[in-house]
Full PDB file with SEQRES, HELIX, SHEET, SSBOND, CRYST1, ORIGX, SCALE, CONECT and MASTER records, all heavy atoms in Angstrom:
SEQRES   1 A   41  MET SER PHE TYR PHE PRO GLY ASN LYS VAL PRO VAL THR          
SEQRES   2 A   41  VAL ARG SER THR ARG ASP PHE MET GLY PHE LEU LEU GLN          
SEQRES   3 A   41  ALA ARG LYS VAL SER ASN ASP GLU VAL ALA GLY THR PHE          
SEQRES   4 A   41  VAL PHE                                                      
CRYST1    1.000    1.000    1.000  90.00  90.00  90.00 P 1           1          
ORIGX1      1.000000  0.000000  0.000000        0.00000                         
ORIGX2      0.000000  1.000000  0.000000        0.00000                         
ORIGX3      0.000000  0.000000  1.000000        0.00000                         
SCALE1      1.000000  0.000000  0.000000        0.00000                         
SCALE2      0.000000  1.000000  0.000000        0.00000                         
SCALE3      0.000000  0.000000  1.000000        0.00000                         
ATOM      1  N   MET A   1     -54.970-104.767  43.486  1.00  0.00           N  
ATOM      2  CA  MET A   1     -54.264-104.644  42.207  1.00  0.00           C  
ATOM      3  C   MET A   1     -55.076-103.756  41.264  1.00  0.00           C  
ATOM      4  O   MET A   1     -56.279-103.938  41.132  1.00  0.00           O  
ATOM      5  CB  MET A   1     -54.062-106.028  41.575  1.00  0.00           C  
ATOM      6  CG  MET A   1     -53.171-106.931  42.431  1.00  0.00           C  
ATOM      7  SD  MET A   1     -53.061-108.623  41.803  1.00  0.00           S  
ATOM      8  CE  MET A   1     -52.123-108.383  40.303  1.00  0.00           C  
ATOM      9  N   SER A   2     -54.417-102.810  40.625  1.00  0.00           N  
ATOM     10  CA  SER A   2     -55.115-101.967  39.649  1.00  0.00           C  
ATOM     11  C   SER A   2     -54.930-102.495  38.235  1.00  0.00           C  
ATOM     12  O   SER A   2     -55.603-102.050  37.311  1.00  0.00           O  
ATOM     13  CB  SER A   2     -54.622-100.523  39.748  1.00  0.00           C  
ATOM     14  OG  SER A   2     -53.226-100.480  39.565  1.00  0.00           O  
ATOM     15  N   PHE A   3     -54.002-103.457  38.063  1.00  0.00           N  
ATOM     16  CA  PHE A   3     -53.827-104.096  36.760  1.00  0.00           C  
ATOM     17  C   PHE A   3     -53.344-105.522  36.957  1.00  0.00           C  
ATOM     18  O   PHE A   3     -52.921-105.902  38.049  1.00  0.00           O  
ATOM     19  CB  PHE A   3     -52.850-103.308  35.880  1.00  0.00           C  
ATOM     20  CG  PHE A   3     -51.442-103.273  36.408  1.00  0.00           C  
ATOM     21  CD1 PHE A   3     -50.529-104.265  36.058  1.00  0.00           C  
ATOM     22  CD2 PHE A   3     -51.031-102.247  37.255  1.00  0.00           C  
ATOM     23  CE1 PHE A   3     -49.232-104.237  36.564  1.00  0.00           C  
ATOM     24  CE2 PHE A   3     -49.742-102.215  37.754  1.00  0.00           C  
ATOM     25  CZ  PHE A   3     -48.837-103.215  37.411  1.00  0.00           C  
ATOM     26  N   TYR A   4     -53.450-106.319  35.896  1.00  0.00           N  
ATOM     27  CA  TYR A   4     -53.008-107.707  35.936  1.00  0.00           C  
ATOM     28  C   TYR A   4     -52.476-108.081  34.557  1.00  0.00           C  
ATOM     29  O   TYR A   4     -52.719-107.382  33.564  1.00  0.00           O  
ATOM     30  CB  TYR A   4     -54.169-108.646  36.322  1.00  0.00           C  
ATOM     31  CG  TYR A   4     -55.168-108.831  35.208  1.00  0.00           C  
ATOM     32  CD1 TYR A   4     -55.086-109.936  34.355  1.00  0.00           C  
ATOM     33  CD2 TYR A   4     -56.162-107.902  34.964  1.00  0.00           C  
ATOM     34  CE1 TYR A   4     -55.974-110.100  33.304  1.00  0.00           C  
ATOM     35  CE2 TYR A   4     -57.052-108.055  33.927  1.00  0.00           C  
ATOM     36  CZ  TYR A   4     -56.960-109.157  33.097  1.00  0.00           C  
ATOM     37  OH  TYR A   4     -57.833-109.303  32.053  1.00  0.00           O  
ATOM     38  N   PHE A   5     -51.745-109.165  34.496  1.00  0.00           N  
ATOM     39  CA  PHE A   5     -51.272-109.742  33.243  1.00  0.00           C  
ATOM     40  C   PHE A   5     -52.005-111.063  33.023  1.00  0.00           C  
ATOM     41  O   PHE A   5     -52.413-111.706  33.998  1.00  0.00           O  
ATOM     42  CB  PHE A   5     -49.758-109.997  33.292  1.00  0.00           C  
ATOM     43  CG  PHE A   5     -48.945-108.739  33.305  1.00  0.00           C  
ATOM     44  CD1 PHE A   5     -48.544-108.174  34.519  1.00  0.00           C  
ATOM     45  CD2 PHE A   5     -48.578-108.117  32.125  1.00  0.00           C  
ATOM     46  CE1 PHE A   5     -47.802-107.001  34.543  1.00  0.00           C  
ATOM     47  CE2 PHE A   5     -47.833-106.942  32.145  1.00  0.00           C  
ATOM     48  CZ  PHE A   5     -47.443-106.385  33.353  1.00  0.00           C  
ATOM     49  N   PRO A   6     -52.190-111.494  31.764  1.00  0.00           N  
ATOM     50  CA  PRO A   6     -52.814-112.801  31.534  1.00  0.00           C  
ATOM     51  C   PRO A   6     -52.108-113.883  32.352  1.00  0.00           C  
ATOM     52  O   PRO A   6     -50.888-113.898  32.467  1.00  0.00           O  
ATOM     53  CB  PRO A   6     -52.621-113.019  30.036  1.00  0.00           C  
ATOM     54  CG  PRO A   6     -52.618-111.627  29.468  1.00  0.00           C  
ATOM     55  CD  PRO A   6     -51.867-110.805  30.497  1.00  0.00           C  
ATOM     56  N   GLY A   7     -52.905-114.750  32.972  1.00  0.00           N  
ATOM     57  CA  GLY A   7     -52.377-115.825  33.796  1.00  0.00           C  
ATOM     58  C   GLY A   7     -52.117-115.453  35.243  1.00  0.00           C  
ATOM     59  O   GLY A   7     -51.854-116.326  36.072  1.00  0.00           O  
ATOM     60  N   ASN A   8     -52.188-114.150  35.577  1.00  0.00           N  
ATOM     61  CA  ASN A   8     -51.960-113.703  36.961  1.00  0.00           C  
ATOM     62  C   ASN A   8     -53.062-114.167  37.906  1.00  0.00           C  
ATOM     63  O   ASN A   8     -54.202-114.366  37.503  1.00  0.00           O  
ATOM     64  CB  ASN A   8     -51.945-112.178  37.049  1.00  0.00           C  
ATOM     65  CG  ASN A   8     -50.605-111.539  36.771  1.00  0.00           C  
ATOM     66  OD1 ASN A   8     -50.549-110.336  36.605  1.00  0.00           O  
ATOM     67  ND2 ASN A   8     -49.520-112.281  36.714  1.00  0.00           N  
ATOM     68  N   LYS A   9     -52.680-114.264  39.187  1.00  0.00           N  
ATOM     69  CA  LYS A   9     -53.649-114.499  40.251  1.00  0.00           C  
ATOM     70  C   LYS A   9     -53.922-113.158  40.928  1.00  0.00           C  
ATOM     71  O   LYS A   9     -52.994-112.416  41.244  1.00  0.00           O  
ATOM     72  CB  LYS A   9     -53.117-115.521  41.243  1.00  0.00           C  
ATOM     73  CG  LYS A   9     -53.030-116.912  40.641  1.00  0.00           C  
ATOM     74  CD  LYS A   9     -52.474-117.908  41.622  1.00  0.00           C  
ATOM     75  CE  LYS A   9     -52.406-119.289  40.966  1.00  0.00           C  
ATOM     76  NZ  LYS A   9     -51.677-120.240  41.806  1.00  0.00           N  
ATOM     77  N   VAL A  10     -55.197-112.867  41.132  1.00  0.00           N  
ATOM     78  CA  VAL A  10     -55.614-111.579  41.681  1.00  0.00           C  
ATOM     79  C   VAL A  10     -56.403-111.814  42.974  1.00  0.00           C  
ATOM     80  O   VAL A  10     -57.430-112.495  42.957  1.00  0.00           O  
ATOM     81  CB  VAL A  10     -56.500-110.821  40.661  1.00  0.00           C  
ATOM     82  CG1 VAL A  10     -57.011-109.512  41.246  1.00  0.00           C  
ATOM     83  CG2 VAL A  10     -55.745-110.588  39.355  1.00  0.00           C  
ATOM     84  N   PRO A  11     -55.929-111.252  44.101  1.00  0.00           N  
ATOM     85  CA  PRO A  11     -56.703-111.377  45.347  1.00  0.00           C  
ATOM     86  C   PRO A  11     -57.937-110.480  45.304  1.00  0.00           C  
ATOM     87  O   PRO A  11     -57.870-109.351  44.823  1.00  0.00           O  
ATOM     88  CB  PRO A  11     -55.722-110.914  46.425  1.00  0.00           C  
ATOM     89  CG  PRO A  11     -54.744-110.042  45.707  1.00  0.00           C  
ATOM     90  CD  PRO A  11     -54.681-110.525  44.285  1.00  0.00           C  
ATOM     91  N   VAL A  12     -59.044-111.003  45.791  1.00  0.00           N  
ATOM     92  CA  VAL A  12     -60.311-110.261  45.809  1.00  0.00           C  
ATOM     93  C   VAL A  12     -60.848-110.309  47.229  1.00  0.00           C  
ATOM     94  O   VAL A  12     -60.885-111.376  47.850  1.00  0.00           O  
ATOM     95  CB  VAL A  12     -61.341-110.891  44.847  1.00  0.00           C  
ATOM     96  CG1 VAL A  12     -62.651-110.118  44.868  1.00  0.00           C  
ATOM     97  CG2 VAL A  12     -60.776-110.976  43.438  1.00  0.00           C  
ATOM     98  N   THR A  13     -61.264-109.160  47.740  1.00  0.00           N  
ATOM     99  CA  THR A  13     -61.779-109.083  49.103  1.00  0.00           C  
ATOM    100  C   THR A  13     -63.191-108.523  49.080  1.00  0.00           C  
ATOM    101  O   THR A  13     -63.466-107.543  48.386  1.00  0.00           O  
ATOM    102  CB  THR A  13     -60.885-108.167  49.963  1.00  0.00           C  
ATOM    103  OG1 THR A  13     -59.538-108.646  49.883  1.00  0.00           O  
ATOM    104  CG2 THR A  13     -61.330-108.173  51.409  1.00  0.00           C  
ATOM    105  N   VAL A  14     -64.056-109.147  49.840  1.00  0.00           N  
ATOM    106  CA  VAL A  14     -65.423-108.660  50.034  1.00  0.00           C  
ATOM    107  C   VAL A  14     -65.528-108.235  51.494  1.00  0.00           C  
ATOM    108  O   VAL A  14     -65.204-109.011  52.390  1.00  0.00           O  
ATOM    109  CB  VAL A  14     -66.462-109.759  49.718  1.00  0.00           C  
ATOM    110  CG1 VAL A  14     -67.867-109.288  50.063  1.00  0.00           C  
ATOM    111  CG2 VAL A  14     -66.364-110.170  48.252  1.00  0.00           C  
ATOM    112  N   ARG A  15     -65.933-106.998  51.718  1.00  0.00           N  
ATOM    113  CA  ARG A  15     -66.077-106.460  53.069  1.00  0.00           C  
ATOM    114  C   ARG A  15     -67.520-105.977  53.256  1.00  0.00           C  
ATOM    115  O   ARG A  15     -68.104-105.397  52.344  1.00  0.00           O  
ATOM    116  CB  ARG A  15     -65.140-105.271  53.293  1.00  0.00           C  
ATOM    117  CG  ARG A  15     -63.683-105.618  53.127  1.00  0.00           C  
ATOM    118  CD  ARG A  15     -63.041-105.885  54.475  1.00  0.00           C  
ATOM    119  NE  ARG A  15     -61.622-106.125  54.326  1.00  0.00           N  
ATOM    120  CZ  ARG A  15     -61.062-107.316  54.483  1.00  0.00           C  
ATOM    121  NH1 ARG A  15     -61.796-108.359  54.768  1.00  0.00           N  
ATOM    122  NH2 ARG A  15     -59.768-107.472  54.351  1.00  0.00           N  
ATOM    123  N   SER A  16     -68.045-106.203  54.456  1.00  0.00           N  
ATOM    124  CA  SER A  16     -69.408-105.798  54.750  1.00  0.00           C  
ATOM    125  C   SER A  16     -69.487-105.222  56.156  1.00  0.00           C  
ATOM    126  O   SER A  16     -68.795-105.680  57.058  1.00  0.00           O  
ATOM    127  CB  SER A  16     -70.341-107.005  54.634  1.00  0.00           C  
ATOM    128  OG  SER A  16     -71.642-106.650  55.026  1.00  0.00           O  
ATOM    129  N   THR A  17     -70.347-104.243  56.347  1.00  0.00           N  
ATOM    130  CA  THR A  17     -70.563-103.683  57.679  1.00  0.00           C  
ATOM    131  C   THR A  17     -71.709-104.394  58.387  1.00  0.00           C  
ATOM    132  O   THR A  17     -71.967-104.134  59.551  1.00  0.00           O  
ATOM    133  CB  THR A  17     -70.869-102.178  57.606  1.00  0.00           C  
ATOM    134  OG1 THR A  17     -72.020-101.990  56.780  1.00  0.00           O  
ATOM    135  CG2 THR A  17     -69.682-101.414  57.050  1.00  0.00           C  
ATOM    136  N   ARG A  18     -72.410-105.284  57.666  1.00  0.00           N  
ATOM    137  CA  ARG A  18     -73.505-106.064  58.247  1.00  0.00           C  
ATOM    138  C   ARG A  18     -73.355-107.521  57.815  1.00  0.00           C  
ATOM    139  O   ARG A  18     -72.783-107.820  56.783  1.00  0.00           O  
ATOM    140  CB  ARG A  18     -74.857-105.577  57.730  1.00  0.00           C  
ATOM    141  CG  ARG A  18     -75.220-104.202  58.150  1.00  0.00           C  
ATOM    142  CD  ARG A  18     -76.650-103.935  57.730  1.00  0.00           C  
ATOM    143  NE  ARG A  18     -76.811-102.534  57.390  1.00  0.00           N  
ATOM    144  CZ  ARG A  18     -77.809-102.062  56.688  1.00  0.00           C  
ATOM    145  NH1 ARG A  18     -78.733-102.852  56.208  1.00  0.00           N  
ATOM    146  NH2 ARG A  18     -77.896-100.774  56.437  1.00  0.00           N  
ATOM    147  N   ASP A  19     -73.921-108.409  58.607  1.00  0.00           N  
ATOM    148  CA  ASP A  19     -73.915-109.826  58.247  1.00  0.00           C  
ATOM    149  C   ASP A  19     -74.788-110.065  57.017  1.00  0.00           C  
ATOM    150  O   ASP A  19     -75.809-109.400  56.843  1.00  0.00           O  
ATOM    151  CB  ASP A  19     -74.469-110.672  59.400  1.00  0.00           C  
ATOM    152  CG  ASP A  19     -73.566-110.664  60.619  1.00  0.00           C  
ATOM    153  OD1 ASP A  19     -72.345-110.460  60.448  1.00  0.00           O  
ATOM    154  OD2 ASP A  19     -74.077-110.868  61.726  1.00  0.00           O  
ATOM    155  N   PHE A  20     -74.388-111.029  56.202  1.00  0.00           N  
ATOM    156  CA  PHE A  20     -75.224-111.492  55.099  1.00  0.00           C  
ATOM    157  C   PHE A  20     -75.113-113.003  55.025  1.00  0.00           C  
ATOM    158  O   PHE A  20     -74.189-113.599  55.564  1.00  0.00           O  
ATOM    159  CB  PHE A  20     -74.844-110.816  53.771  1.00  0.00           C  
ATOM    160  CG  PHE A  20     -73.416-111.053  53.322  1.00  0.00           C  
ATOM    161  CD1 PHE A  20     -73.098-112.131  52.505  1.00  0.00           C  
ATOM    162  CD2 PHE A  20     -72.397-110.186  53.695  1.00  0.00           C  
ATOM    163  CE1 PHE A  20     -71.789-112.344  52.080  1.00  0.00           C  
ATOM    164  CE2 PHE A  20     -71.093-110.385  53.273  1.00  0.00           C  
ATOM    165  CZ  PHE A  20     -70.787-111.472  52.461  1.00  0.00           C  
ATOM    166  N   MET A  21     -76.078-113.627  54.350  1.00  0.00           N  
ATOM    167  CA  MET A  21     -76.111-115.091  54.293  1.00  0.00           C  
ATOM    168  C   MET A  21     -75.604-115.625  52.955  1.00  0.00           C  
ATOM    169  O   MET A  21     -74.856-116.582  52.916  1.00  0.00           O  
ATOM    170  CB  MET A  21     -77.531-115.600  54.525  1.00  0.00           C  
ATOM    171  CG  MET A  21     -77.991-115.421  55.948  1.00  0.00           C  
ATOM    172  SD  MET A  21     -79.522-116.316  56.303  1.00  0.00           S  
ATOM    173  CE  MET A  21     -80.671-115.548  55.197  1.00  0.00           C  
ATOM    174  N   GLY A  22     -76.048-115.033  51.873  1.00  0.00           N  
ATOM    175  CA  GLY A  22     -75.731-115.591  50.561  1.00  0.00           C  
ATOM    176  C   GLY A  22     -75.030-114.609  49.664  1.00  0.00           C  
ATOM    177  O   GLY A  22     -75.107-113.394  49.861  1.00  0.00           O  
ATOM    178  N   PHE A  23     -74.326-115.150  48.658  1.00  0.00           N  
ATOM    179  CA  PHE A  23     -73.646-114.285  47.693  1.00  0.00           C  
ATOM    180  C   PHE A  23     -73.379-115.042  46.406  1.00  0.00           C  
ATOM    181  O   PHE A  23     -73.429-116.268  46.359  1.00  0.00           O  
ATOM    182  CB  PHE A  23     -72.336-113.731  48.271  1.00  0.00           C  
ATOM    183  CG  PHE A  23     -71.267-114.780  48.443  1.00  0.00           C  
ATOM    184  CD1 PHE A  23     -70.346-115.038  47.427  1.00  0.00           C  
ATOM    185  CD2 PHE A  23     -71.177-115.506  49.614  1.00  0.00           C  
ATOM    186  CE1 PHE A  23     -69.370-116.008  47.592  1.00  0.00           C  
ATOM    187  CE2 PHE A  23     -70.203-116.482  49.783  1.00  0.00           C  
ATOM    188  CZ  PHE A  23     -69.295-116.730  48.774  1.00  0.00           C  
ATOM    189  N   LEU A  24     -73.092-114.278  45.368  1.00  0.00           N  
ATOM    190  CA  LEU A  24     -72.667-114.794  44.071  1.00  0.00           C  
ATOM    191  C   LEU A  24     -71.594-113.837  43.570  1.00  0.00           C  
ATOM    192  O   LEU A  24     -71.845-112.637  43.465  1.00  0.00           O  
ATOM    193  CB  LEU A  24     -73.847-114.840  43.097  1.00  0.00           C  
ATOM    194  CG  LEU A  24     -73.591-115.502  41.756  1.00  0.00           C  
ATOM    195  CD1 LEU A  24     -73.472-117.015  41.926  1.00  0.00           C  
ATOM    196  CD2 LEU A  24     -74.728-115.203  40.783  1.00  0.00           C  
ATOM    197  N   LEU A  25     -70.389-114.343  43.300  1.00  0.00           N  
ATOM    198  CA  LEU A  25     -69.246-113.513  42.914  1.00  0.00           C  
ATOM    199  C   LEU A  25     -68.714-113.954  41.557  1.00  0.00           C  
ATOM    200  O   LEU A  25     -68.531-115.148  41.318  1.00  0.00           O  
ATOM    201  CB  LEU A  25     -68.141-113.632  43.963  1.00  0.00           C  
ATOM    202  CG  LEU A  25     -66.812-112.924  43.677  1.00  0.00           C  
ATOM    203  CD1 LEU A  25     -66.985-111.401  43.680  1.00  0.00           C  
ATOM    204  CD2 LEU A  25     -65.766-113.345  44.699  1.00  0.00           C  
ATOM    205  N   GLN A  26     -68.459-112.982  40.669  1.00  0.00           N  
ATOM    206  CA  GLN A  26     -67.909-113.253  39.338  1.00  0.00           C  
ATOM    207  C   GLN A  26     -66.959-112.142  38.928  1.00  0.00           C  
ATOM    208  O   GLN A  26     -67.074-111.011  39.387  1.00  0.00           O  
ATOM    209  CB  GLN A  26     -69.025-113.305  38.279  1.00  0.00           C  
ATOM    210  CG  GLN A  26     -70.041-114.386  38.480  1.00  0.00           C  
ATOM    211  CD  GLN A  26     -71.171-114.312  37.462  1.00  0.00           C  
ATOM    212  OE1 GLN A  26     -71.558-113.253  37.001  1.00  0.00           O  
ATOM    213  NE2 GLN A  26     -71.721-115.472  37.139  1.00  0.00           N  
ATOM    214  N   ALA A  27     -66.035-112.483  38.019  1.00  0.00           N  
ATOM    215  CA  ALA A  27     -65.240-111.478  37.308  1.00  0.00           C  
ATOM    216  C   ALA A  27     -65.861-111.383  35.920  1.00  0.00           C  
ATOM    217  O   ALA A  27     -66.209-112.402  35.319  1.00  0.00           O  
ATOM    218  CB  ALA A  27     -63.784-111.909  37.209  1.00  0.00           C  
ATOM    219  N   ARG A  28     -65.992-110.164  35.406  1.00  0.00           N  
ATOM    220  CA  ARG A  28     -66.588-109.961  34.082  1.00  0.00           C  
ATOM    221  C   ARG A  28     -65.741-109.004  33.259  1.00  0.00           C  
ATOM    222  O   ARG A  28     -65.181-108.049  33.777  1.00  0.00           O  
ATOM    223  CB  ARG A  28     -68.003-109.402  34.211  1.00  0.00           C  
ATOM    224  CG  ARG A  28     -68.982-110.423  34.790  1.00  0.00           C  
ATOM    225  CD  ARG A  28     -70.361-109.819  34.980  1.00  0.00           C  
ATOM    226  NE  ARG A  28     -71.303-110.847  35.370  1.00  0.00           N  
ATOM    227  CZ  ARG A  28     -72.327-111.246  34.620  1.00  0.00           C  
ATOM    228  NH1 ARG A  28     -72.551-110.677  33.451  1.00  0.00           N  
ATOM    229  NH2 ARG A  28     -73.125-112.189  35.039  1.00  0.00           N  
ATOM    230  N   LYS A  29     -65.694-109.291  31.960  1.00  0.00           N  
ATOM    231  CA  LYS A  29     -64.979-108.422  31.034  1.00  0.00           C  
ATOM    232  C   LYS A  29     -65.723-107.089  30.936  1.00  0.00           C  
ATOM    233  O   LYS A  29     -66.945-107.055  30.793  1.00  0.00           O  
ATOM    234  CB  LYS A  29     -64.931-109.042  29.639  1.00  0.00           C  
ATOM    235  CG  LYS A  29     -64.216-110.372  29.553  1.00  0.00           C  
ATOM    236  CD  LYS A  29     -64.303-110.889  28.118  1.00  0.00           C  
ATOM    237  CE  LYS A  29     -63.932-112.337  28.013  1.00  0.00           C  
ATOM    238  NZ  LYS A  29     -64.112-112.848  26.636  1.00  0.00           N  
ATOM    239  N   VAL A  30     -64.973-105.999  30.987  1.00  0.00           N  
ATOM    240  CA  VAL A  30     -65.574-104.673  30.853  1.00  0.00           C  
ATOM    241  C   VAL A  30     -66.147-104.502  29.443  1.00  0.00           C  
ATOM    242  O   VAL A  30     -67.206-103.907  29.263  1.00  0.00           O  
ATOM    243  CB  VAL A  30     -64.534-103.574  31.173  1.00  0.00           C  
ATOM    244  CG1 VAL A  30     -65.067-102.192  30.822  1.00  0.00           C  
ATOM    245  CG2 VAL A  30     -64.135-103.641  32.646  1.00  0.00           C  
ATOM    246  N   SER A  31     -65.495-105.068  28.443  1.00  0.00           N  
ATOM    247  CA  SER A  31     -65.894-104.873  27.048  1.00  0.00           C  
ATOM    248  C   SER A  31     -67.265-105.439  26.708  1.00  0.00           C  
ATOM    249  O   SER A  31     -68.006-104.831  25.942  1.00  0.00           O  
ATOM    250  CB  SER A  31     -64.853-105.485  26.106  1.00  0.00           C  
ATOM    251  OG  SER A  31     -64.774-106.895  26.333  1.00  0.00           O  
ATOM    252  N   ASN A  32     -67.619-106.604  27.278  1.00  0.00           N  
ATOM    253  CA  ASN A  32     -68.886-107.218  26.861  1.00  0.00           C  
ATOM    254  C   ASN A  32     -69.656-107.877  28.011  1.00  0.00           C  
ATOM    255  O   ASN A  32     -70.627-108.580  27.771  1.00  0.00           O  
ATOM    256  CB  ASN A  32     -68.645-108.240  25.750  1.00  0.00           C  
ATOM    257  CG  ASN A  32     -67.721-109.359  26.192  1.00  0.00           C  
ATOM    258  OD1 ASN A  32     -67.393-109.486  27.363  1.00  0.00           O  
ATOM    259  ND2 ASN A  32     -67.305-110.168  25.235  1.00  0.00           N  
ATOM    260  N   ASP A  33     -69.223-107.683  29.250  1.00  0.00           N  
ATOM    261  CA  ASP A  33     -69.908-108.200  30.438  1.00  0.00           C  
ATOM    262  C   ASP A  33     -69.899-109.726  30.539  1.00  0.00           C  
ATOM    263  O   ASP A  33     -70.647-110.307  31.305  1.00  0.00           O  
ATOM    264  CB  ASP A  33     -71.349-107.665  30.510  1.00  0.00           C  
ATOM    265  CG  ASP A  33     -71.900-107.677  31.933  1.00  0.00           C  
ATOM    266  OD1 ASP A  33     -71.154-107.342  32.867  1.00  0.00           O  
ATOM    267  OD2 ASP A  33     -73.078-108.049  32.110  1.00  0.00           O  
ATOM    268  N   GLU A  34     -69.034-110.413  29.789  1.00  0.00           N  
ATOM    269  CA  GLU A  34     -68.945-111.870  29.868  1.00  0.00           C  
ATOM    270  C   GLU A  34     -68.156-112.281  31.112  1.00  0.00           C  
ATOM    271  O   GLU A  34     -67.173-111.645  31.469  1.00  0.00           O  
ATOM    272  CB  GLU A  34     -68.235-112.452  28.641  1.00  0.00           C  
ATOM    273  CG  GLU A  34     -69.073-112.460  27.391  1.00  0.00           C  
ATOM    274  CD  GLU A  34     -68.326-113.079  26.213  1.00  0.00           C  
ATOM    275  OE1 GLU A  34     -67.162-113.532  26.367  1.00  0.00           O  
ATOM    276  OE2 GLU A  34     -68.903-113.085  25.114  1.00  0.00           O  
ATOM    277  N   VAL A  35     -68.596-113.370  31.735  1.00  0.00           N  
ATOM    278  CA  VAL A  35     -67.889-113.927  32.883  1.00  0.00           C  
ATOM    279  C   VAL A  35     -66.552-114.477  32.398  1.00  0.00           C  
ATOM    280  O   VAL A  35     -66.477-115.086  31.326  1.00  0.00           O  
ATOM    281  CB  VAL A  35     -68.732-115.036  33.547  1.00  0.00           C  
ATOM    282  CG1 VAL A  35     -67.987-115.666  34.711  1.00  0.00           C  
ATOM    283  CG2 VAL A  35     -70.072-114.467  34.012  1.00  0.00           C  
ATOM    284  N   ALA A  36     -65.491-114.238  33.180  1.00  0.00           N  
ATOM    285  CA  ALA A  36     -64.147-114.631  32.734  1.00  0.00           C  
ATOM    286  C   ALA A  36     -63.297-115.126  33.893  1.00  0.00           C  
ATOM    287  O   ALA A  36     -63.491-114.736  35.043  1.00  0.00           O  
ATOM    288  CB  ALA A  36     -63.460-113.435  32.076  1.00  0.00           C  
ATOM    289  N   GLY A  37     -62.334-115.976  33.576  1.00  0.00           N  
ATOM    290  CA  GLY A  37     -61.377-116.457  34.566  1.00  0.00           C  
ATOM    291  C   GLY A  37     -61.972-117.499  35.496  1.00  0.00           C  
ATOM    292  O   GLY A  37     -63.126-117.913  35.348  1.00  0.00           O  
ATOM    293  N   THR A  38     -61.155-117.922  36.462  1.00  0.00           N  
ATOM    294  CA  THR A  38     -61.592-118.927  37.428  1.00  0.00           C  
ATOM    295  C   THR A  38     -61.102-118.543  38.816  1.00  0.00           C  
ATOM    296  O   THR A  38     -60.082-117.865  38.968  1.00  0.00           O  
ATOM    297  CB  THR A  38     -61.035-120.326  37.085  1.00  0.00           C  
ATOM    298  OG1 THR A  38     -59.609-120.241  37.011  1.00  0.00           O  
ATOM    299  CG2 THR A  38     -61.583-120.838  35.767  1.00  0.00           C  
ATOM    300  N   PHE A  39     -61.826-118.988  39.808  1.00  0.00           N  
ATOM    301  CA  PHE A  39     -61.408-118.754  41.183  1.00  0.00           C  
ATOM    302  C   PHE A  39     -60.594-119.955  41.640  1.00  0.00           C  
ATOM    303  O   PHE A  39     -60.998-121.102  41.463  1.00  0.00           O  
ATOM    304  CB  PHE A  39     -62.622-118.519  42.085  1.00  0.00           C  
ATOM    305  CG  PHE A  39     -63.243-117.170  41.850  1.00  0.00           C  
ATOM    306  CD1 PHE A  39     -64.231-116.998  40.889  1.00  0.00           C  
ATOM    307  CD2 PHE A  39     -62.808-116.065  42.562  1.00  0.00           C  
ATOM    308  CE1 PHE A  39     -64.782-115.748  40.643  1.00  0.00           C  
ATOM    309  CE2 PHE A  39     -63.354-114.804  42.325  1.00  0.00           C  
ATOM    310  CZ  PHE A  39     -64.343-114.653  41.367  1.00  0.00           C  
ATOM    311  N   VAL A  40     -59.404-119.679  42.205  1.00  0.00           N  
ATOM    312  CA  VAL A  40     -58.496-120.756  42.620  1.00  0.00           C  
ATOM    313  C   VAL A  40     -58.378-120.851  44.141  1.00  0.00           C  
ATOM    314  O   VAL A  40     -57.801-121.800  44.653  1.00  0.00           O  
ATOM    315  CB  VAL A  40     -57.099-120.603  41.971  1.00  0.00           C  
ATOM    316  CG1 VAL A  40     -57.203-120.793  40.466  1.00  0.00           C  
ATOM    317  CG2 VAL A  40     -56.471-119.259  42.309  1.00  0.00           C  
ATOM    318  N   PHE A  41     -58.907-119.867  44.844  1.00  0.00           N  
ATOM    319  CA  PHE A  41     -58.976-119.940  46.306  1.00  0.00           C  
ATOM    320  C   PHE A  41     -60.303-119.346  46.732  1.00  0.00           C  
ATOM    321  O   PHE A  41     -60.665-118.248  46.304  1.00  0.00           O  
ATOM    322  CB  PHE A  41     -57.837-119.170  46.985  1.00  0.00           C  
ATOM    323  CG  PHE A  41     -58.005-119.115  48.484  1.00  0.00           C  
ATOM    324  CD1 PHE A  41     -57.621-120.193  49.269  1.00  0.00           C  
ATOM    325  CD2 PHE A  41     -58.595-118.008  49.090  1.00  0.00           C  
ATOM    326  CE1 PHE A  41     -57.813-120.156  50.659  1.00  0.00           C  
ATOM    327  CE2 PHE A  41     -58.785-117.970  50.472  1.00  0.00           C  
ATOM    328  CZ  PHE A  41     -58.391-119.047  51.253  1.00  0.00           C  
TER     329      PHE A  41                                                      
MASTER        0    0    0    0    0    0    0    6  328    1    0    4          
END                                                                             
């Protein structure tokens, strides 16, 4: 998705060419780098 509306659900995919063990994923506002929204799946 290149855009969303408030309240929308947005699919997010992480792809890697190598195995990894750990990660930390967040959505952040472009305007001030604050963490925003919630993950529902």
